[in-house]
Protein backbone atom coordinates (compact mmCIF):
# COMPACT_ATOMS: atom_id res chain seq x y z
CA MET A 1 2.58 23.28 21.75
CA ASP A 2 4.80 22.54 18.76
CA GLU A 3 6.51 19.17 18.45
CA ARG A 4 9.90 18.59 16.88
CA GLY A 5 11.35 15.79 14.82
CA HIS A 6 14.01 14.72 12.38
CA GLY A 7 13.03 13.00 9.18
CA VAL A 8 13.02 12.56 5.43
CA VAL A 9 10.51 14.00 2.96
CA LEU A 10 8.67 11.06 1.38
CA ARG A 11 6.19 12.87 -0.81
CA VAL A 12 5.16 16.43 -1.68
CA ARG A 13 1.98 17.56 -3.43
CA PRO A 14 0.06 20.81 -3.88
CA LEU A 15 -2.81 21.58 -1.53
CA THR A 16 -3.75 25.08 -2.68
CA GLU A 17 -2.19 27.71 -4.93
CA THR A 18 0.15 28.65 -2.09
CA SER A 19 0.45 25.59 0.16
CA LEU A 20 1.84 22.05 0.03
CA ILE A 21 1.16 18.76 1.75
CA VAL A 22 4.46 17.25 2.86
CA HIS A 23 4.73 13.62 3.96
CA TRP A 24 7.59 12.70 6.30
CA LEU A 25 9.20 9.58 7.68
CA SER A 26 10.57 10.27 11.15
CA PRO A 27 12.02 7.92 13.79
CA GLU A 28 10.13 9.79 16.49
CA HIS A 29 6.76 10.20 14.78
CA GLY A 30 6.66 7.57 12.03
CA ARG A 31 4.85 8.57 8.85
CA LEU A 32 3.53 12.07 9.25
CA ALA A 33 1.53 14.37 6.94
CA THR A 34 1.93 18.13 7.33
CA VAL A 35 0.61 21.26 5.63
CA ALA A 36 3.31 23.75 4.66
CA LYS A 37 1.28 26.94 4.45
CA GLY A 38 2.60 29.45 1.93
CA ALA A 39 5.34 27.06 0.77
CA ARG A 40 4.61 27.76 -2.91
CA ARG A 41 5.17 31.48 -2.55
CA PRO A 42 8.50 32.71 -3.99
CA LYS A 43 9.73 34.16 -0.70
CA SER A 44 8.48 31.36 1.55
CA SER A 45 10.71 30.34 4.46
CA PHE A 46 10.23 26.75 3.22
CA ALA A 47 11.80 27.47 -0.18
CA GLY A 48 14.46 24.90 -1.09
CA LYS A 49 13.87 22.87 2.07
CA LEU A 50 11.10 20.49 0.99
CA ASP A 51 12.62 18.63 -1.93
CA LEU A 52 11.84 14.94 -2.31
CA PHE A 53 14.03 12.82 0.01
CA GLN A 54 15.38 15.94 1.72
CA GLU A 55 16.59 15.23 5.26
CA ALA A 56 15.63 17.89 7.79
CA GLU A 57 14.86 18.92 11.33
CA PHE A 58 11.30 20.21 11.55
CA SER A 59 8.62 21.38 13.95
CA PHE A 60 4.86 21.05 13.60
CA ALA A 61 1.60 21.70 15.42
CA ARG A 62 -0.36 18.49 15.83
CA SER A 63 -4.00 18.59 14.72
CA ARG A 64 -6.63 17.33 17.15
CA ARG A 65 -9.15 16.70 14.37
CA SER A 66 -7.22 14.89 11.64
CA ASP A 67 -3.91 13.28 10.73
CA LEU A 68 -2.90 16.37 8.72
CA HIS A 69 -0.73 18.59 10.92
CA THR A 70 0.67 22.11 10.44
CA LEU A 71 4.34 22.43 9.54
CA ARG A 72 6.01 25.30 11.40
CA GLU A 73 9.74 25.32 10.68
CA VAL A 74 12.19 23.29 8.61
CA MET A 75 15.98 23.22 8.77
CA ALA A 76 17.56 21.15 6.02
CA THR A 77 20.33 18.89 7.31
CA GLY A 78 21.19 16.76 4.30
CA MET A 79 20.59 16.76 0.56
CA ARG A 80 20.99 13.66 -1.57
CA ARG A 81 21.93 15.26 -4.87
CA ARG A 82 22.24 12.01 -6.84
CA LEU A 83 18.59 11.22 -6.18
CA ARG A 84 17.67 14.47 -7.92
CA THR A 85 19.43 13.53 -11.16
CA GLU A 86 19.64 9.71 -11.34
CA HIS A 87 16.36 8.25 -12.61
CA HIS A 88 17.22 4.67 -11.65
CA ALA A 89 17.91 5.61 -8.04
CA LEU A 90 14.67 7.61 -7.92
CA GLU A 91 12.64 4.61 -9.12
CA VAL A 92 14.08 2.39 -6.38
CA ALA A 93 13.52 5.02 -3.68
CA ALA A 94 9.94 5.58 -4.88
CA TYR A 95 9.24 1.85 -4.66
CA ALA A 96 10.60 1.80 -1.10
CA VAL A 97 8.24 4.66 -0.20
CA ALA A 98 5.27 2.77 -1.69
CA THR A 99 6.20 -0.32 0.34
CA ILE A 100 6.48 1.66 3.57
CA GLU A 101 3.20 3.48 2.96
CA GLN A 102 1.36 0.25 2.17
CA ALA A 103 2.55 -1.67 5.21
CA THR A 104 2.74 0.90 8.04
CA GLU A 105 0.30 3.13 9.92
CA VAL A 106 0.50 6.92 10.11
CA ASP A 107 1.52 8.70 13.33
CA THR A 108 3.13 5.53 14.70
CA PRO A 109 6.86 5.58 15.57
CA ILE A 110 8.79 3.10 13.42
CA PRO A 111 12.45 3.91 14.14
CA GLU A 112 13.77 0.70 12.60
CA VAL A 113 11.99 1.44 9.30
CA ALA A 114 13.21 5.05 9.33
CA GLU A 115 16.77 3.79 9.86
CA LEU A 116 16.37 1.25 7.06
CA PHE A 117 15.09 3.86 4.62
CA ALA A 118 17.89 6.26 5.52
CA GLY A 119 20.39 3.48 4.83
CA LEU A 120 18.85 2.78 1.43
CA LEU A 121 18.91 6.47 0.49
CA GLY A 122 22.55 6.73 1.54
CA TYR A 123 23.38 3.76 -0.66
CA LEU A 124 21.45 5.13 -3.65
CA ASP A 125 23.17 8.49 -3.24
CA ALA A 126 26.60 6.85 -3.37
CA VAL A 127 26.49 4.08 -5.98
CA PRO A 128 24.35 3.04 -8.99
CA ALA A 129 21.06 1.34 -8.15
CA THR A 130 20.98 -2.45 -8.48
CA ALA A 131 18.39 -5.20 -8.19
CA ARG A 132 20.30 -6.43 -5.14
CA ALA A 133 19.46 -3.17 -3.39
CA VAL A 134 15.76 -3.74 -4.09
CA PHE A 135 15.91 -7.30 -2.75
CA ALA A 136 17.92 -6.24 0.30
CA PHE A 137 15.43 -3.48 1.10
CA GLU A 138 12.49 -5.88 0.77
CA LEU A 139 14.07 -8.47 3.04
CA LYS A 140 15.18 -5.96 5.65
CA PHE A 141 11.76 -4.30 5.62
CA LEU A 142 10.04 -7.66 6.07
CA ALA A 143 12.37 -8.32 9.01
CA CYS A 144 11.28 -5.01 10.57
CA GLN A 145 7.71 -6.31 10.37
CA GLY A 146 8.64 -9.72 11.79
CA LEU A 147 7.87 -11.35 8.44
CA GLU A 148 11.30 -12.30 7.14
CA PRO A 149 11.51 -15.62 5.26
CA ASP A 150 13.57 -18.56 6.49
CA PRO A 151 16.16 -19.17 3.76
CA GLY A 152 16.45 -22.81 4.77
CA GLU A 153 12.75 -23.38 4.16
CA ALA A 154 12.46 -21.38 0.93
CA PRO A 155 11.74 -23.42 -2.24
CA LEU A 156 14.96 -22.29 -3.90
CA SER A 157 18.21 -23.71 -5.19
CA ASP A 158 21.17 -23.77 -2.82
CA ALA A 159 22.72 -20.77 -4.58
CA ALA A 160 19.50 -18.75 -4.31
CA ARG A 161 19.08 -19.67 -0.64
CA GLU A 162 22.62 -18.51 0.04
CA LEU A 163 21.94 -15.22 -1.75
CA LEU A 164 18.70 -14.75 0.19
CA ALA A 165 20.49 -15.23 3.51
CA GLU A 166 23.31 -12.87 2.56
CA LEU A 167 20.91 -10.15 1.41
CA MET A 168 19.10 -10.25 4.75
CA ASP A 169 22.26 -9.44 6.71
CA VAL A 170 24.53 -7.51 4.35
CA ASP A 171 25.51 -3.91 5.03
CA TRP A 172 24.43 -1.55 2.26
CA MET A 173 27.90 -0.70 1.07
CA ASP A 174 28.87 -4.38 0.89
CA LEU A 175 26.13 -5.29 -1.61
CA ALA A 176 28.50 -5.12 -4.55
CA THR A 177 30.77 -7.74 -2.98
CA LEU A 178 28.11 -10.48 -2.98
CA ALA A 179 29.01 -13.22 -5.44
CA THR A 180 26.02 -14.75 -7.19
CA THR A 181 24.63 -15.85 -10.54
CA ALA A 182 21.93 -14.42 -12.77
CA GLU A 183 19.84 -17.56 -12.19
CA ALA A 184 20.04 -17.25 -8.39
CA ALA A 185 19.03 -13.58 -8.63
CA ARG A 186 16.09 -14.52 -10.86
CA GLU A 187 14.94 -17.12 -8.33
CA VAL A 188 15.14 -14.62 -5.47
CA ARG A 189 13.21 -12.06 -7.50
CA GLN A 190 10.36 -14.48 -8.19
CA PHE A 191 10.34 -15.82 -4.63
CA LEU A 192 10.06 -12.34 -3.14
CA HIS A 193 7.32 -11.43 -5.63
CA GLY A 194 5.06 -14.12 -4.22
CA PHE A 195 6.23 -13.67 -0.62
CA LEU A 196 5.37 -9.96 -0.65
CA ILE A 197 1.91 -10.57 -2.10
CA TYR A 198 1.20 -13.25 0.50
CA HIS A 199 2.30 -11.21 3.51
CA LEU A 200 1.40 -7.66 2.44
CA GLY A 201 -1.84 -8.47 0.62
CA LYS A 202 -0.63 -7.13 -2.72
CA LEU A 203 2.59 -6.20 -4.42
CA PRO A 204 3.69 -2.66 -3.53
CA ARG A 205 3.38 -0.21 -6.40
CA GLY A 206 6.44 0.30 -8.58
CA ARG A 207 8.35 -2.96 -8.04
CA ALA A 208 8.60 -3.79 -11.73
CA GLU A 209 9.83 -0.27 -12.50
CA ALA A 210 12.38 -0.39 -9.68
CA LEU A 211 13.79 -3.71 -10.86
CA HIS A 212 13.78 -2.60 -14.49
CA ALA A 213 15.67 0.51 -13.44
CA ALA A 214 18.13 -1.50 -11.37
CA PRO A 215 19.58 -4.36 -13.43
């Protein structure tokens, strides 16, 4: 029996000359890998529906033998056009995907992470990417895992501690209103570098590129 879900395309790669492997992030199913058979054919029913970071309703047949399931139908529900043209936003989104993939299990519902990622994509689709968005994502993701730092205990200046606390709670569209200094931002960047390595085992791939792309 087919299962249904709503999610975002995290990653797409070729499987055969005619098929694709599509990785999803869904509130109901968590991270999910599916085979889109025939998706590379010109007249495929999947054409135009499996772009990176595409939001869609989809159905799939769950495999009993592996964690690679069969994609049945896709109905696109939202397209983030800015992420298709803005390189900086794409770098930040790709880093977020790497973080999620490193720290979560497949086929495990993670609705709070799916909501967080959707919020980040909405932000990146609306305004230019910034380092604050990277820091805010990292802190909010750590909170989803129960690993958020205590700003009061962090070895930071008062200004950096204040920025850390604000980034943990700020709504995405209010990021630009945070008042801070370049030195406080530098401290937060270095603090999170070590904090992520300590709690996640290694730094997620693409952090340097995301921060370089988001001054």
